[in-house]
């Protein structure tokens, strides 16, 4: 049987608390914010001006960089 969204969320929080403890779970959740604004509208402001070649070039540049963004310390 499929789980409800509520059951999945509860199971996720339980797993975080079990793995990280309450304090670090709170710190982890605070790190991720839903953000503000209208992403769909805002992305057109920068994406509509790019060509496919521009996007491909940026992807190549990113793949050559160290992009391990999760090595930072969450305070």
PDB file of N, CA and C in Angstrom:
ATOM      1  N   UNK A   1       0.835  -1.179   0.000  1.00  0.00           N
ATOM      2  CA  UNK A   1       0.000   0.000   0.000  1.00  0.00           C
ATOM      3  C   UNK A   1       0.886   1.251   0.000  1.00  0.00           C
ATOM      4  N   UNK A   2       0.486   2.267  -0.765  1.00  0.00           N
ATOM      5  CA  UNK A   2       1.247   3.512  -0.827  1.00  0.00           C
ATOM      6  C   UNK A   2       1.101   4.297   0.472  1.00  0.00           C
ATOM      7  N   UNK A   3       2.182   4.940   0.846  1.00  0.00           N
ATOM      8  CA  UNK A   3       2.157   5.778   2.038  1.00  0.00           C
ATOM      9  C   UNK A   3       1.586   7.140   1.680  1.00  0.00           C
ATOM     10  N   UNK A   4       0.975   7.773   2.663  1.00  0.00           N
ATOM     11  CA  UNK A   4       0.496   9.137   2.452  1.00  0.00           C
ATOM     12  C   UNK A   4       1.681  10.094   2.542  1.00  0.00           C
ATOM     13  N   UNK A   5       1.494  11.296   2.054  1.00  0.00           N
ATOM     14  CA  UNK A   5       2.544  12.314   2.148  1.00  0.00           C
ATOM     15  C   UNK A   5       2.918  12.559   3.612  1.00  0.00           C
ATOM     16  N   UNK A   6       1.918  12.578   4.482  1.00  0.00           N
ATOM     17  CA  UNK A   6       2.166  12.782   5.914  1.00  0.00           C
ATOM     18  C   UNK A   6       3.039  11.657   6.482  1.00  0.00           C
ATOM     19  N   UNK A   7       2.758  10.416   6.098  1.00  0.00           N
ATOM     20  CA  UNK A   7       3.547   9.280   6.589  1.00  0.00           C
ATOM     21  C   UNK A   7       4.995   9.350   6.112  1.00  0.00           C
ATOM     22  N   UNK A   8       5.184   9.756   4.878  1.00  0.00           N
ATOM     23  CA  UNK A   8       6.536   9.872   4.331  1.00  0.00           C
ATOM     24  C   UNK A   8       7.309  10.971   5.052  1.00  0.00           C
ATOM     25  N   UNK A   9       6.670  12.108   5.275  1.00  0.00           N
ATOM     26  CA  UNK A   9       7.322  13.209   5.982  1.00  0.00           C
ATOM     27  C   UNK A   9       7.688  12.791   7.396  1.00  0.00           C
ATOM     28  N   UNK A  10       6.764  12.138   8.091  1.00  0.00           N
ATOM     29  CA  UNK A  10       7.041  11.682   9.456  1.00  0.00           C
ATOM     30  C   UNK A  10       8.191  10.684   9.466  1.00  0.00           C
ATOM     31  N   UNK A  11       8.202   9.748   8.526  1.00  0.00           N
ATOM     32  CA  UNK A  11       9.280   8.769   8.458  1.00  0.00           C
ATOM     33  C   UNK A  11      10.619   9.460   8.182  1.00  0.00           C
ATOM     34  N   UNK A  12      10.599  10.476   7.337  1.00  0.00           N
ATOM     35  CA  UNK A  12      11.823  11.224   7.043  1.00  0.00           C
ATOM     36  C   UNK A  12      12.353  11.942   8.270  1.00  0.00           C
ATOM     37  N   UNK A  13      11.458  12.618   8.994  1.00  0.00           N
ATOM     38  CA  UNK A  13      11.887  13.305  10.218  1.00  0.00           C
ATOM     39  C   UNK A  13      12.397  12.308  11.247  1.00  0.00           C
ATOM     40  N   UNK A  14      11.715  11.190  11.380  1.00  0.00           N
ATOM     41  CA  UNK A  14      12.159  10.167  12.325  1.00  0.00           C
ATOM     42  C   UNK A  14      13.561   9.667  11.967  1.00  0.00           C
ATOM     43  N   UNK A  15      13.817   9.473  10.682  1.00  0.00           N
ATOM     44  CA  UNK A  15      15.133   9.011  10.238  1.00  0.00           C
ATOM     45  C   UNK A  15      16.205  10.059  10.538  1.00  0.00           C
ATOM     46  N   UNK A  16      15.869  11.317  10.308  1.00  0.00           N
ATOM     47  CA  UNK A  16      16.825  12.390  10.611  1.00  0.00           C
ATOM     48  C   UNK A  16      17.138  12.445  12.100  1.00  0.00           C
ATOM     49  N   UNK A  17      16.105  12.410  12.930  1.00  0.00           N
ATOM     50  CA  UNK A  17      16.310  12.464  14.375  1.00  0.00           C
ATOM     51  C   UNK A  17      17.119  11.260  14.836  1.00  0.00           C
ATOM     52  N   UNK A  18      16.822  10.101  14.304  1.00  0.00           N
ATOM     53  CA  UNK A  18      17.556   8.887  14.685  1.00  0.00           C
ATOM     54  C   UNK A  18      19.025   8.997  14.279  1.00  0.00           C
ATOM     55  N   UNK A  19      19.274   9.540  13.093  1.00  0.00           N
ATOM     56  CA  UNK A  19      20.631   9.611  12.574  1.00  0.00           C
ATOM     57  C   UNK A  19      21.431  10.783  13.135  1.00  0.00           C
ATOM     58  N   UNK A  20      20.787  11.949  13.253  1.00  0.00           N
ATOM     59  CA  UNK A  20      21.507  13.169  13.627  1.00  0.00           C
ATOM     60  C   UNK A  20      21.276  13.625  15.059  1.00  0.00           C
ATOM     61  N   UNK A  21      20.199  13.175  15.653  1.00  0.00           N
ATOM     62  CA  UNK A  21      19.802  13.725  16.944  1.00  0.00           C
ATOM     63  C   UNK A  21      18.914  14.942  16.720  1.00  0.00           C
ATOM     64  N   UNK A  22      18.234  15.372  17.763  1.00  0.00           N
ATOM     65  CA  UNK A  22      17.260  16.456  17.613  1.00  0.00           C
ATOM     66  C   UNK A  22      17.922  17.776  17.217  1.00  0.00           C
ATOM     67  N   UNK A  23      18.990  18.141  17.917  1.00  0.00           N
ATOM     68  CA  UNK A  23      19.635  19.437  17.657  1.00  0.00           C
ATOM     69  C   UNK A  23      20.140  19.536  16.230  1.00  0.00           C
ATOM     70  N   UNK A  24      20.878  18.523  15.769  1.00  0.00           N
ATOM     71  CA  UNK A  24      21.414  18.580  14.411  1.00  0.00           C
ATOM     72  C   UNK A  24      20.327  18.422  13.358  1.00  0.00           C
ATOM     73  N   UNK A  25      19.237  17.742  13.687  1.00  0.00           N
ATOM     74  CA  UNK A  25      18.104  17.672  12.758  1.00  0.00           C
ATOM     75  C   UNK A  25      17.526  19.061  12.553  1.00  0.00           C
ATOM     76  N   UNK A  26      17.366  19.811  13.625  1.00  0.00           N
ATOM     77  CA  UNK A  26      16.848  21.174  13.517  1.00  0.00           C
ATOM     78  C   UNK A  26      17.804  22.030  12.698  1.00  0.00           C
ATOM     79  N   UNK A  27      19.086  21.909  12.955  1.00  0.00           N
ATOM     80  CA  UNK A  27      20.081  22.678  12.184  1.00  0.00           C
ATOM     81  C   UNK A  27      20.013  22.316  10.705  1.00  0.00           C
ATOM     82  N   UNK A  28      19.854  21.028  10.407  1.00  0.00           N
ATOM     83  CA  UNK A  28      19.765  20.565   9.024  1.00  0.00           C
ATOM     84  C   UNK A  28      18.534  21.153   8.336  1.00  0.00           C
ATOM     85  N   UNK A  29      17.390  21.088   9.009  1.00  0.00           N
ATOM     86  CA  UNK A  29      16.147  21.602   8.424  1.00  0.00           C
ATOM     87  C   UNK A  29      16.220  23.110   8.223  1.00  0.00           C
ATOM     88  N   UNK A  30      16.826  23.827   9.159  1.00  0.00           N
ATOM     89  CA  UNK A  30      16.950  25.274   9.020  1.00  0.00           C
ATOM     90  C   UNK A  30      17.827  25.665   7.842  1.00  0.00           C
ATOM     91  N   UNK A  31      18.751  24.794   7.472  1.00  0.00           N
ATOM     92  CA  UNK A  31      19.649  25.078   6.362  1.00  0.00           C
ATOM     93  C   UNK A  31      18.896  25.182   5.046  1.00  0.00           C
ATOM     94  N   UNK A  32      17.827  24.417   4.919  1.00  0.00           N
ATOM     95  CA  UNK A  32      17.039  24.418   3.692  1.00  0.00           C
ATOM     96  C   UNK A  32      15.800  25.281   3.891  1.00  0.00           C
ATOM     97  N   UNK A  33      15.708  26.366   3.145  1.00  0.00           N
ATOM     98  CA  UNK A  33      14.530  27.217   3.243  1.00  0.00           C
ATOM     99  C   UNK A  33      13.773  27.144   1.924  1.00  0.00           C
ATOM    100  N   UNK A  34      12.480  27.327   1.978  1.00  0.00           N
ATOM    101  CA  UNK A  34      11.702  27.245   0.738  1.00  0.00           C
ATOM    102  C   UNK A  34      11.969  28.395  -0.225  1.00  0.00           C
ATOM    103  N   UNK A  35      12.611  29.439   0.241  1.00  0.00           N
ATOM    104  CA  UNK A  35      12.901  30.568  -0.626  1.00  0.00           C
ATOM    105  C   UNK A  35      11.701  31.478  -0.798  1.00  0.00           C
ATOM    106  N   UNK A  36      11.883  32.486  -1.605  1.00  0.00           N
ATOM    107  CA  UNK A  36      10.826  33.466  -1.844  1.00  0.00           C
ATOM    108  C   UNK A  36      10.786  33.800  -3.323  1.00  0.00           C
ATOM    109  N   UNK A  37       9.697  34.344  -3.742  1.00  0.00           N
ATOM    110  CA  UNK A  37       9.587  34.787  -5.117  1.00  0.00           C
ATOM    111  C   UNK A  37       8.940  33.758  -6.023  1.00  0.00           C
ATOM    112  N   UNK A  38       8.954  34.067  -7.295  1.00  0.00           N
ATOM    113  CA  UNK A  38       8.364  33.216  -8.324  1.00  0.00           C
ATOM    114  C   UNK A  38       9.490  32.718  -9.222  1.00  0.00           C
ATOM    115  N   UNK A  39       9.994  31.522  -8.926  1.00  0.00           N
ATOM    116  CA  UNK A  39      11.142  30.986  -9.663  1.00  0.00           C
ATOM    117  C   UNK A  39      10.859  30.902 -11.158  1.00  0.00           C
ATOM    118  N   UNK A  40       9.675  30.461 -11.527  1.00  0.00           N
ATOM    119  CA  UNK A  40       9.350  30.311 -12.945  1.00  0.00           C
ATOM    120  C   UNK A  40       9.453  31.649 -13.667  1.00  0.00           C
ATOM    121  N   UNK A  41       8.915  32.682 -13.067  1.00  0.00           N
ATOM    122  CA  UNK A  41       8.981  34.015 -13.670  1.00  0.00           C
ATOM    123  C   UNK A  41      10.415  34.539 -13.677  1.00  0.00           C
ATOM    124  N   UNK A  42      11.109  34.375 -12.569  1.00  0.00           N
ATOM    125  CA  UNK A  42      12.463  34.912 -12.446  1.00  0.00           C
ATOM    126  C   UNK A  42      13.453  34.211 -13.364  1.00  0.00           C
ATOM    127  N   UNK A  43      13.293  32.920 -13.570  1.00  0.00           N
ATOM    128  CA  UNK A  43      14.274  32.216 -14.406  1.00  0.00           C
ATOM    129  C   UNK A  43      14.210  32.697 -15.849  1.00  0.00           C
ATOM    130  N   UNK A  44      13.051  33.167 -16.290  1.00  0.00           N
ATOM    131  CA  UNK A  44      12.947  33.686 -17.654  1.00  0.00           C
ATOM    132  C   UNK A  44      13.772  34.955 -17.819  1.00  0.00           C
ATOM    133  N   UNK A  45      13.993  35.677 -16.740  1.00  0.00           N
ATOM    134  CA  UNK A  45      14.781  36.908 -16.821  1.00  0.00           C
ATOM    135  C   UNK A  45      16.226  36.619 -17.204  1.00  0.00           C
ATOM    136  N   UNK A  46      16.750  35.466 -16.791  1.00  0.00           N
ATOM    137  CA  UNK A  46      18.131  35.151 -17.156  1.00  0.00           C
ATOM    138  C   UNK A  46      18.223  34.038 -18.189  1.00  0.00           C
ATOM    139  N   UNK A  47      17.278  33.131 -18.205  1.00  0.00           N
ATOM    140  CA  UNK A  47      17.371  32.000 -19.108  1.00  0.00           C
ATOM    141  C   UNK A  47      16.995  32.363 -20.543  1.00  0.00           C
ATOM    142  N   UNK A  48      16.046  33.263 -20.727  1.00  0.00           N
ATOM    143  CA  UNK A  48      15.621  33.630 -22.077  1.00  0.00           C
ATOM    144  C   UNK A  48      16.734  34.309 -22.870  1.00  0.00           C
ATOM    145  N   UNK A  49      17.718  34.848 -22.155  1.00  0.00           N
ATOM    146  CA  UNK A  49      18.807  35.543 -22.837  1.00  0.00           C
ATOM    147  C   UNK A  49      19.956  34.609 -23.199  1.00  0.00           C
ATOM    148  N   UNK A  50      19.907  33.372 -22.778  1.00  0.00           N
ATOM    149  CA  UNK A  50      20.989  32.424 -23.043  1.00  0.00           C
ATOM    150  C   UNK A  50      20.658  31.540 -24.233  1.00  0.00           C
ATOM    151  N   UNK A  51      21.699  31.230 -24.975  1.00  0.00           N
ATOM    152  CA  UNK A  51      21.540  30.274 -26.066  1.00  0.00           C
ATOM    153  C   UNK A  51      21.876  28.880 -25.527  1.00  0.00           C
ATOM    154  N   UNK A  52      21.544  27.878 -26.294  1.00  0.00           N
ATOM    155  CA  UNK A  52      21.881  26.514 -25.914  1.00  0.00           C
ATOM    156  C   UNK A  52      23.397  26.359 -25.798  1.00  0.00           C
ATOM    157  N   UNK A  53      24.124  27.012 -26.682  1.00  0.00           N
ATOM    158  CA  UNK A  53      25.584  26.953 -26.626  1.00  0.00           C
ATOM    159  C   UNK A  53      26.109  27.557 -25.330  1.00  0.00           C
ATOM    160  N   UNK A  54      25.493  28.656 -24.859  1.00  0.00           N
ATOM    161  CA  UNK A  54      25.884  29.269 -23.587  1.00  0.00           C
ATOM    162  C   UNK A  54      25.691  28.291 -22.430  1.00  0.00           C
ATOM    163  N   UNK A  55      24.546  27.620 -22.411  1.00  0.00           N
ATOM    164  CA  UNK A  55      24.236  26.676 -21.336  1.00  0.00           C
ATOM    165  C   UNK A  55      25.226  25.512 -21.369  1.00  0.00           C
ATOM    166  N   UNK A  56      25.508  24.972 -22.543  1.00  0.00           N
ATOM    167  CA  UNK A  56      26.449  23.856 -22.665  1.00  0.00           C
ATOM    168  C   UNK A  56      27.849  24.261 -22.206  1.00  0.00           C
ATOM    169  N   UNK A  57      28.271  25.459 -22.549  1.00  0.00           N
ATOM    170  CA  UNK A  57      29.593  25.939 -22.131  1.00  0.00           C
ATOM    171  C   UNK A  57      29.662  26.073 -20.612  1.00  0.00           C
ATOM    172  N   UNK A  58      28.611  26.594 -19.991  1.00  0.00           N
ATOM    173  CA  UNK A  58      28.581  26.710 -18.537  1.00  0.00           C
ATOM    174  C   UNK A  58      28.602  25.337 -17.874  1.00  0.00           C
ATOM    175  N   UNK A  59      27.925  24.371 -18.470  1.00  0.00           N
ATOM    176  CA  UNK A  59      27.940  23.015 -17.924  1.00  0.00           C
ATOM    177  C   UNK A  59      29.345  22.425 -17.984  1.00  0.00           C
ATOM    178  N   UNK A  60      30.057  22.665 -19.067  1.00  0.00           N
ATOM    179  CA  UNK A  60      31.424  22.167 -19.198  1.00  0.00           C
ATOM    180  C   UNK A  60      32.325  22.803 -18.142  1.00  0.00           C
ATOM    181  N   UNK A  61      32.147  24.094 -17.911  1.00  0.00           N
ATOM    182  CA  UNK A  61      32.956  24.788 -16.913  1.00  0.00           C
ATOM    183  C   UNK A  61      32.679  24.240 -15.519  1.00  0.00           C
ATOM    184  N   UNK A  62      31.414  23.986 -15.199  1.00  0.00           N
ATOM    185  CA  UNK A  62      31.073  23.453 -13.885  1.00  0.00           C
ATOM    186  C   UNK A  62      31.632  22.060 -13.669  1.00  0.00           C
ATOM    187  N   UNK A  63      31.617  21.247 -14.709  1.00  0.00           N
ATOM    188  CA  UNK A  63      32.087  19.874 -14.545  1.00  0.00           C
ATOM    189  C   UNK A  63      33.583  19.824 -14.277  1.00  0.00           C
ATOM    190  N   UNK A  64      34.321  20.860 -14.651  1.00  0.00           N
ATOM    191  CA  UNK A  64      35.758  20.871 -14.414  1.00  0.00           C
ATOM    192  C   UNK A  64      36.110  21.471 -13.050  1.00  0.00           C
ATOM    193  N   UNK A  65      35.154  22.096 -12.390  1.00  0.00           N
ATOM    194  CA  UNK A  65      35.385  22.688 -11.075  1.00  0.00           C
ATOM    195  C   UNK A  65      35.051  21.684  -9.978  1.00  0.00           C
ATOM    196  N   UNK A  66      35.561  21.949  -8.794  1.00  0.00           N
ATOM    197  CA  UNK A  66      35.197  21.138  -7.635  1.00  0.00           C
ATOM    198  C   UNK A  66      33.863  21.658  -7.137  1.00  0.00           C
ATOM    199  N   UNK A  67      32.802  20.928  -7.372  1.00  0.00           N
ATOM    200  CA  UNK A  67      31.466  21.410  -7.024  1.00  0.00           C
ATOM    201  C   UNK A  67      30.877  20.662  -5.842  1.00  0.00           C
ATOM    202  N   UNK A  68      31.710  20.152  -4.957  1.00  0.00           N
ATOM    203  CA  UNK A  68      31.190  19.444  -3.790  1.00  0.00           C
ATOM    204  C   UNK A  68      30.654  20.471  -2.803  1.00  0.00           C
ATOM    205  N   UNK A  69      29.427  20.895  -3.023  1.00  0.00           N
ATOM    206  CA  UNK A  69      28.833  21.975  -2.249  1.00  0.00           C
ATOM    207  C   UNK A  69      28.424  21.572  -0.846  1.00  0.00           C
ATOM    208  N   UNK A  70      28.533  20.301  -0.516  1.00  0.00           N
ATOM    209  CA  UNK A  70      28.073  19.845   0.783  1.00  0.00           C
ATOM    210  C   UNK A  70      29.213  19.646   1.771  1.00  0.00           C
ATOM    211  N   UNK A  71      30.393  20.162   1.466  1.00  0.00           N
ATOM    212  CA  UNK A  71      31.510  20.046   2.376  1.00  0.00           C
ATOM    213  C   UNK A  71      31.554  21.176   3.395  1.00  0.00           C
ATOM    214  N   UNK A  72      30.593  22.056   3.375  1.00  0.00           N
ATOM    215  CA  UNK A  72      30.601  23.155   4.322  1.00  0.00           C
ATOM    216  C   UNK A  72      30.041  22.716   5.671  1.00  0.00           C
ATOM    217  N   UNK A  73      30.372  23.471   6.676  1.00  0.00           N
ATOM    218  CA  UNK A  73      29.871  23.179   8.024  1.00  0.00           C
ATOM    219  C   UNK A  73      28.585  23.962   8.236  1.00  0.00           C
ATOM    220  N   UNK A  74      27.551  23.276   8.666  1.00  0.00           N
ATOM    221  CA  UNK A  74      26.269  23.912   8.931  1.00  0.00           C
ATOM    222  C   UNK A  74      26.271  24.407  10.363  1.00  0.00           C
ATOM    223  N   UNK A  75      26.131  25.711  10.525  1.00  0.00           N
ATOM    224  CA  UNK A  75      26.131  26.280  11.885  1.00  0.00           C
ATOM    225  C   UNK A  75      24.751  26.722  12.283  1.00  0.00           C
TER     226      UNK A  75
END
